[in-house]
Amino acid sequence: MADGDGKYFRIDIIKQELDIAIDGTDEVDDQRLQQYGREISSFIDNELTPYAVTIPISDANITTDLELLCTYGVARRYKIFKNNFEAGEAYGKLFDDLLNSVIDRFKANPTRSKRTAVTKAYRTEPQLSDN
């Protein structure tokens, strides 16, 4: 990872998505983008914790989507910060749709997920008030 990158975000990809120069001439919002990237990465971890066996996710097929997910999340926050609410809403919809898709993939593949069905025999116990 390049300097300033996080678990699921790469600053150069985010800047490219937002049409910000990546040649080093436009670094005004770099700290803000990195902060947003760290916060969105943490949010993604929190959302996936009930489904994933390990955090951070190391599966290459999933991490590609997580990087895109983080890019959408950062872009959403950045666009709202810049008062471009329509673009922020569009990125928010992309973020929500992709997050739900990733969660559905975890649920569908039992080797990736912590969630397993456990069946137990039904049994009753006397209530304390019955004594």
N, C-alpha and C. Protein backbone atom coordinates (compact mmCIF):
# COMPACT_ATOMS: atom_id res chain seq x y z
N MET A 1 0.82 -1.18 0.00
CA MET A 1 0.00 0.00 0.00
C MET A 1 0.87 1.25 0.00
N ALA A 2 0.39 2.23 -0.69
CA ALA A 2 1.10 3.49 -0.73
C ALA A 2 0.90 4.24 0.58
N ASP A 3 1.72 5.26 0.79
CA ASP A 3 1.59 6.06 2.00
C ASP A 3 0.21 6.72 2.05
N GLY A 4 -0.45 6.63 3.19
CA GLY A 4 -1.76 7.22 3.34
C GLY A 4 -2.90 6.28 2.99
N ASP A 5 -2.58 5.05 2.64
CA ASP A 5 -3.62 4.08 2.31
C ASP A 5 -4.02 3.32 3.56
N GLY A 6 -5.18 2.74 3.54
CA GLY A 6 -5.69 2.00 4.68
C GLY A 6 -6.05 0.59 4.29
N LYS A 7 -6.82 -0.05 5.16
CA LYS A 7 -7.19 -1.43 4.91
C LYS A 7 -7.94 -1.60 3.60
N TYR A 8 -8.95 -0.77 3.40
CA TYR A 8 -9.80 -0.93 2.24
C TYR A 8 -9.79 0.27 1.31
N PHE A 9 -8.94 1.23 1.53
CA PHE A 9 -8.94 2.39 0.64
C PHE A 9 -7.54 2.72 0.17
N ARG A 10 -7.52 3.23 -1.04
CA ARG A 10 -6.28 3.75 -1.62
C ARG A 10 -6.57 5.18 -2.04
N ILE A 11 -5.79 6.09 -1.52
CA ILE A 11 -6.05 7.51 -1.73
C ILE A 11 -6.01 7.87 -3.21
N ASP A 12 -5.12 7.23 -3.98
CA ASP A 12 -5.04 7.57 -5.40
C ASP A 12 -6.31 7.15 -6.16
N ILE A 13 -6.89 6.03 -5.81
CA ILE A 13 -8.13 5.58 -6.46
C ILE A 13 -9.29 6.50 -6.07
N ILE A 14 -9.33 6.89 -4.80
CA ILE A 14 -10.40 7.79 -4.35
C ILE A 14 -10.28 9.14 -5.07
N LYS A 15 -9.07 9.67 -5.16
CA LYS A 15 -8.89 10.95 -5.83
C LYS A 15 -9.24 10.85 -7.31
N GLN A 16 -8.93 9.72 -7.92
CA GLN A 16 -9.27 9.52 -9.32
C GLN A 16 -10.80 9.49 -9.49
N GLU A 17 -11.50 8.82 -8.59
CA GLU A 17 -12.97 8.76 -8.63
C GLU A 17 -13.58 10.15 -8.49
N LEU A 18 -12.96 10.98 -7.69
CA LEU A 18 -13.48 12.32 -7.42
C LEU A 18 -12.92 13.38 -8.37
N ASP A 19 -12.15 12.98 -9.36
CA ASP A 19 -11.52 13.90 -10.32
C ASP A 19 -10.63 14.93 -9.64
N ILE A 20 -9.86 14.46 -8.67
CA ILE A 20 -8.87 15.30 -8.01
C ILE A 20 -7.51 14.87 -8.54
N ALA A 21 -6.66 15.84 -8.85
CA ALA A 21 -5.34 15.54 -9.42
C ALA A 21 -4.54 14.64 -8.50
N ILE A 22 -3.94 13.59 -9.07
CA ILE A 22 -3.15 12.65 -8.26
C ILE A 22 -1.65 12.83 -8.49
N ASP A 23 -1.26 13.89 -9.19
CA ASP A 23 0.15 14.12 -9.47
C ASP A 23 0.87 14.91 -8.39
N GLY A 24 0.19 15.13 -7.25
CA GLY A 24 0.81 15.84 -6.14
C GLY A 24 0.54 17.33 -6.14
N THR A 25 -0.17 17.83 -7.15
CA THR A 25 -0.45 19.27 -7.20
C THR A 25 -1.68 19.65 -6.39
N ASP A 26 -2.56 18.70 -6.11
CA ASP A 26 -3.80 19.00 -5.37
C ASP A 26 -3.86 18.11 -4.13
N GLU A 27 -3.29 18.62 -3.04
CA GLU A 27 -3.24 17.85 -1.80
C GLU A 27 -4.03 18.53 -0.69
N VAL A 28 -4.89 19.47 -1.04
CA VAL A 28 -5.64 20.25 -0.06
C VAL A 28 -6.53 19.34 0.79
N ASP A 29 -7.21 18.40 0.15
CA ASP A 29 -8.18 17.56 0.85
C ASP A 29 -7.65 16.18 1.22
N ASP A 30 -6.36 15.95 1.08
CA ASP A 30 -5.81 14.62 1.35
C ASP A 30 -6.08 14.15 2.78
N GLN A 31 -5.86 15.03 3.76
CA GLN A 31 -6.09 14.62 5.15
C GLN A 31 -7.55 14.27 5.39
N ARG A 32 -8.44 15.05 4.82
CA ARG A 32 -9.87 14.79 4.97
C ARG A 32 -10.23 13.45 4.33
N LEU A 33 -9.71 13.19 3.13
CA LEU A 33 -10.00 11.93 2.43
C LEU A 33 -9.44 10.74 3.22
N GLN A 34 -8.25 10.90 3.80
CA GLN A 34 -7.68 9.82 4.60
C GLN A 34 -8.51 9.57 5.85
N GLN A 35 -8.97 10.63 6.49
CA GLN A 35 -9.82 10.48 7.67
C GLN A 35 -11.11 9.76 7.28
N TYR A 36 -11.74 10.19 6.20
CA TYR A 36 -12.95 9.53 5.73
C TYR A 36 -12.68 8.06 5.41
N GLY A 37 -11.54 7.79 4.79
CA GLY A 37 -11.18 6.42 4.44
C GLY A 37 -11.03 5.53 5.67
N ARG A 38 -10.37 6.04 6.71
CA ARG A 38 -10.22 5.28 7.95
C ARG A 38 -11.58 5.03 8.60
N GLU A 39 -12.43 6.06 8.61
CA GLU A 39 -13.75 5.90 9.23
C GLU A 39 -14.62 4.91 8.46
N ILE A 40 -14.60 4.99 7.15
CA ILE A 40 -15.41 4.07 6.33
C ILE A 40 -14.86 2.65 6.45
N SER A 41 -13.53 2.48 6.49
CA SER A 41 -12.95 1.15 6.67
C SER A 41 -13.40 0.55 8.00
N SER A 42 -13.40 1.35 9.04
CA SER A 42 -13.86 0.88 10.35
C SER A 42 -15.34 0.53 10.31
N PHE A 43 -16.14 1.35 9.63
CA PHE A 43 -17.56 1.07 9.50
C PHE A 43 -17.79 -0.26 8.77
N ILE A 44 -17.02 -0.48 7.70
CA ILE A 44 -17.15 -1.73 6.95
C ILE A 44 -16.82 -2.92 7.84
N ASP A 45 -15.73 -2.82 8.61
CA ASP A 45 -15.38 -3.90 9.54
C ASP A 45 -16.51 -4.17 10.52
N ASN A 46 -17.09 -3.11 11.06
CA ASN A 46 -18.18 -3.27 12.02
C ASN A 46 -19.39 -3.93 11.38
N GLU A 47 -19.70 -3.57 10.16
CA GLU A 47 -20.86 -4.15 9.47
C GLU A 47 -20.64 -5.62 9.12
N LEU A 48 -19.40 -5.99 8.84
CA LEU A 48 -19.11 -7.36 8.40
C LEU A 48 -18.73 -8.30 9.55
N THR A 49 -18.48 -7.76 10.74
CA THR A 49 -18.08 -8.58 11.87
C THR A 49 -19.02 -9.74 12.16
N PRO A 50 -20.35 -9.57 12.10
CA PRO A 50 -21.23 -10.71 12.37
C PRO A 50 -21.15 -11.81 11.31
N TYR A 51 -20.62 -11.49 10.14
CA TYR A 51 -20.63 -12.45 9.04
C TYR A 51 -19.26 -13.05 8.72
N ALA A 52 -18.21 -12.31 8.92
CA ALA A 52 -16.88 -12.74 8.52
C ALA A 52 -16.19 -13.54 9.61
N VAL A 53 -15.39 -14.50 9.19
CA VAL A 53 -14.64 -15.32 10.13
C VAL A 53 -13.50 -14.51 10.73
N THR A 54 -12.82 -13.73 9.90
CA THR A 54 -11.72 -12.89 10.38
C THR A 54 -11.89 -11.47 9.85
N ILE A 55 -11.43 -10.53 10.62
CA ILE A 55 -11.40 -9.12 10.24
C ILE A 55 -9.96 -8.67 10.41
N PRO A 56 -9.31 -7.98 9.50
CA PRO A 56 -9.79 -7.55 8.20
C PRO A 56 -9.92 -8.73 7.23
N ILE A 57 -10.74 -8.55 6.23
CA ILE A 57 -11.00 -9.58 5.23
C ILE A 57 -9.76 -9.73 4.36
N SER A 58 -9.37 -10.98 4.11
CA SER A 58 -8.18 -11.21 3.29
C SER A 58 -8.51 -11.88 1.96
N ASP A 59 -9.74 -12.29 1.73
CA ASP A 59 -10.15 -12.93 0.49
C ASP A 59 -10.07 -11.92 -0.65
N ALA A 60 -9.26 -12.22 -1.67
CA ALA A 60 -9.02 -11.27 -2.76
C ALA A 60 -10.30 -10.91 -3.51
N ASN A 61 -11.20 -11.86 -3.67
CA ASN A 61 -12.45 -11.57 -4.38
C ASN A 61 -13.30 -10.55 -3.61
N ILE A 62 -13.26 -10.63 -2.31
CA ILE A 62 -14.05 -9.71 -1.48
C ILE A 62 -13.34 -8.38 -1.29
N THR A 63 -12.03 -8.40 -1.12
CA THR A 63 -11.32 -7.14 -0.85
C THR A 63 -11.41 -6.17 -2.02
N THR A 64 -11.50 -6.67 -3.24
CA THR A 64 -11.68 -5.78 -4.38
C THR A 64 -12.99 -5.01 -4.24
N ASP A 65 -14.04 -5.72 -3.85
CA ASP A 65 -15.34 -5.05 -3.63
C ASP A 65 -15.29 -4.13 -2.42
N LEU A 66 -14.53 -4.52 -1.39
CA LEU A 66 -14.44 -3.67 -0.20
C LEU A 66 -13.69 -2.37 -0.51
N GLU A 67 -12.68 -2.44 -1.38
CA GLU A 67 -12.00 -1.22 -1.78
C GLU A 67 -12.94 -0.29 -2.54
N LEU A 68 -13.75 -0.87 -3.43
CA LEU A 68 -14.74 -0.08 -4.16
C LEU A 68 -15.79 0.47 -3.21
N LEU A 69 -16.20 -0.34 -2.25
CA LEU A 69 -17.17 0.08 -1.25
C LEU A 69 -16.65 1.26 -0.45
N CYS A 70 -15.41 1.19 -0.04
CA CYS A 70 -14.80 2.28 0.72
C CYS A 70 -14.69 3.53 -0.16
N THR A 71 -14.35 3.35 -1.42
CA THR A 71 -14.28 4.49 -2.34
C THR A 71 -15.63 5.18 -2.44
N TYR A 72 -16.71 4.40 -2.57
CA TYR A 72 -18.05 4.98 -2.63
C TYR A 72 -18.40 5.72 -1.34
N GLY A 73 -18.04 5.13 -0.21
CA GLY A 73 -18.34 5.76 1.08
C GLY A 73 -17.60 7.08 1.26
N VAL A 74 -16.33 7.09 0.89
CA VAL A 74 -15.54 8.33 1.00
C VAL A 74 -16.07 9.37 0.03
N ALA A 75 -16.38 8.94 -1.19
CA ALA A 75 -16.90 9.87 -2.20
C ALA A 75 -18.22 10.48 -1.74
N ARG A 76 -19.05 9.67 -1.12
CA ARG A 76 -20.33 10.17 -0.60
C ARG A 76 -20.10 11.27 0.43
N ARG A 77 -19.24 11.00 1.40
CA ARG A 77 -18.99 11.99 2.45
C ARG A 77 -18.34 13.25 1.88
N TYR A 78 -17.42 13.06 0.94
CA TYR A 78 -16.72 14.21 0.34
C TYR A 78 -17.69 15.08 -0.46
N LYS A 79 -18.55 14.44 -1.24
CA LYS A 79 -19.51 15.20 -2.05
C LYS A 79 -20.49 15.97 -1.16
N ILE A 80 -20.92 15.35 -0.08
CA ILE A 80 -21.80 16.05 0.85
C ILE A 80 -21.06 17.21 1.51
N PHE A 81 -19.78 17.01 1.86
CA PHE A 81 -18.96 18.08 2.43
C PHE A 81 -18.86 19.26 1.46
N LYS A 82 -18.78 18.95 0.17
CA LYS A 82 -18.67 19.99 -0.86
C LYS A 82 -20.04 20.51 -1.30
N ASN A 83 -21.10 20.14 -0.56
CA ASN A 83 -22.48 20.58 -0.82
C ASN A 83 -23.03 20.10 -2.16
N ASN A 84 -22.53 18.98 -2.66
CA ASN A 84 -23.07 18.36 -3.86
C ASN A 84 -23.92 17.18 -3.39
N PHE A 85 -25.13 17.49 -2.92
CA PHE A 85 -25.97 16.50 -2.26
C PHE A 85 -26.49 15.43 -3.22
N GLU A 86 -26.73 15.80 -4.47
CA GLU A 86 -27.22 14.81 -5.44
C GLU A 86 -26.17 13.75 -5.71
N ALA A 87 -24.94 14.17 -5.91
CA ALA A 87 -23.86 13.21 -6.13
C ALA A 87 -23.62 12.39 -4.86
N GLY A 88 -23.71 13.03 -3.70
CA GLY A 88 -23.56 12.31 -2.44
C GLY A 88 -24.61 11.25 -2.27
N GLU A 89 -25.84 11.58 -2.65
CA GLU A 89 -26.93 10.60 -2.56
C GLU A 89 -26.70 9.44 -3.53
N ALA A 90 -26.22 9.74 -4.73
CA ALA A 90 -25.94 8.69 -5.72
C ALA A 90 -24.85 7.76 -5.21
N TYR A 91 -23.78 8.32 -4.65
CA TYR A 91 -22.71 7.48 -4.08
C TYR A 91 -23.23 6.69 -2.88
N GLY A 92 -24.12 7.29 -2.10
CA GLY A 92 -24.70 6.58 -0.96
C GLY A 92 -25.51 5.37 -1.40
N LYS A 93 -26.25 5.51 -2.49
CA LYS A 93 -27.02 4.37 -3.00
C LYS A 93 -26.09 3.27 -3.50
N LEU A 94 -25.03 3.65 -4.22
CA LEU A 94 -24.05 2.66 -4.67
C LEU A 94 -23.42 1.94 -3.48
N PHE A 95 -23.09 2.72 -2.44
CA PHE A 95 -22.48 2.16 -1.23
C PHE A 95 -23.42 1.15 -0.57
N ASP A 96 -24.68 1.54 -0.38
CA ASP A 96 -25.65 0.65 0.28
C ASP A 96 -25.88 -0.62 -0.53
N ASP A 97 -26.03 -0.48 -1.85
CA ASP A 97 -26.27 -1.65 -2.71
C ASP A 97 -25.08 -2.61 -2.67
N LEU A 98 -23.87 -2.08 -2.75
CA LEU A 98 -22.69 -2.94 -2.74
C LEU A 98 -22.49 -3.58 -1.37
N LEU A 99 -22.73 -2.84 -0.29
CA LEU A 99 -22.61 -3.41 1.05
C LEU A 99 -23.58 -4.57 1.23
N ASN A 100 -24.82 -4.38 0.81
CA ASN A 100 -25.81 -5.47 0.91
C ASN A 100 -25.40 -6.66 0.06
N SER A 101 -24.82 -6.41 -1.10
CA SER A 101 -24.36 -7.49 -1.96
C SER A 101 -23.23 -8.28 -1.30
N VAL A 102 -22.29 -7.59 -0.68
CA VAL A 102 -21.17 -8.26 0.00
C VAL A 102 -21.70 -9.09 1.18
N ILE A 103 -22.62 -8.53 1.95
CA ILE A 103 -23.20 -9.27 3.08
C ILE A 103 -23.94 -10.51 2.58
N ASP A 104 -24.68 -10.37 1.48
CA ASP A 104 -25.38 -11.53 0.91
C ASP A 104 -24.39 -12.60 0.46
N ARG A 105 -23.24 -12.20 -0.08
CA ARG A 105 -22.23 -13.18 -0.48
C ARG A 105 -21.67 -13.91 0.74
N PHE A 106 -21.49 -13.21 1.85
CA PHE A 106 -21.03 -13.88 3.06
C PHE A 106 -22.06 -14.87 3.56
N LYS A 107 -23.31 -14.48 3.54
CA LYS A 107 -24.37 -15.37 4.01
C LYS A 107 -24.51 -16.61 3.13
N ALA A 108 -24.27 -16.44 1.83
CA ALA A 108 -24.45 -17.55 0.89
C ALA A 108 -23.32 -18.57 0.93
N ASN A 109 -22.14 -18.17 1.40
CA ASN A 109 -20.99 -19.07 1.41
C ASN A 109 -20.64 -19.42 2.85
N PRO A 110 -21.00 -20.63 3.30
CA PRO A 110 -20.77 -20.97 4.71
C PRO A 110 -19.29 -21.06 5.10
N THR A 111 -18.37 -21.22 4.14
CA THR A 111 -16.95 -21.27 4.50
C THR A 111 -16.40 -19.89 4.81
N ARG A 112 -17.09 -18.83 4.37
CA ARG A 112 -16.65 -17.48 4.64
C ARG A 112 -17.32 -16.89 5.86
N SER A 113 -18.40 -17.48 6.30
CA SER A 113 -19.24 -16.86 7.31
C SER A 113 -19.14 -17.57 8.65
N LYS A 114 -19.32 -16.80 9.73
CA LYS A 114 -19.37 -17.37 11.07
C LYS A 114 -20.75 -17.93 11.36
N ARG A 115 -21.74 -17.51 10.62
CA ARG A 115 -23.11 -17.91 10.90
C ARG A 115 -23.37 -19.32 10.39
N THR A 116 -23.75 -20.18 11.30
CA THR A 116 -24.11 -21.54 10.94
C THR A 116 -25.41 -21.90 11.66
N ALA A 117 -26.15 -22.78 11.02
CA ALA A 117 -27.40 -23.21 11.63
C ALA A 117 -27.11 -24.33 12.63
N VAL A 118 -27.63 -24.19 13.82
CA VAL A 118 -27.45 -25.20 14.85
C VAL A 118 -28.83 -25.68 15.26
N THR A 119 -29.04 -26.98 15.17
CA THR A 119 -30.33 -27.52 15.59
C THR A 119 -30.14 -28.27 16.89
N LYS A 120 -31.03 -28.02 17.81
CA LYS A 120 -30.98 -28.69 19.11
C LYS A 120 -32.35 -29.25 19.41
N ALA A 121 -32.37 -30.26 20.20
CA ALA A 121 -33.64 -30.85 20.60
C ALA A 121 -34.40 -29.85 21.46
N TYR A 122 -35.69 -29.80 21.27
CA TYR A 122 -36.53 -28.90 22.04
C TYR A 122 -36.72 -29.48 23.43
N ARG A 123 -36.57 -28.68 24.44
CA ARG A 123 -36.79 -29.17 25.79
C ARG A 123 -37.36 -28.05 26.64
N THR A 124 -38.06 -28.42 27.63
CA THR A 124 -38.65 -27.42 28.51
C THR A 124 -38.08 -27.59 29.91
N GLU A 125 -38.07 -26.50 30.61
CA GLU A 125 -37.63 -26.53 31.99
C GLU A 125 -38.70 -25.83 32.82
N PRO A 126 -38.88 -26.25 34.07
CA PRO A 126 -39.88 -25.57 34.89
C PRO A 126 -39.48 -24.14 35.16
N GLN A 127 -40.45 -23.28 35.19
CA GLN A 127 -40.19 -21.89 35.52
C GLN A 127 -40.04 -21.75 37.03
N LEU A 128 -39.36 -20.73 37.44
CA LEU A 128 -39.15 -20.51 38.86
C LEU A 128 -40.47 -20.34 39.61
N SER A 129 -41.47 -19.78 38.94
CA SER A 129 -42.75 -19.56 39.59
C SER A 129 -43.51 -20.87 39.81
N ASP A 130 -43.13 -21.97 39.13
CA ASP A 130 -43.79 -23.26 39.30
C ASP A 130 -43.34 -23.99 40.56
N ASN A 131 -42.29 -23.55 41.16
CA ASN A 131 -41.77 -24.26 42.35
C ASN A 131 -42.54 -23.97 43.58
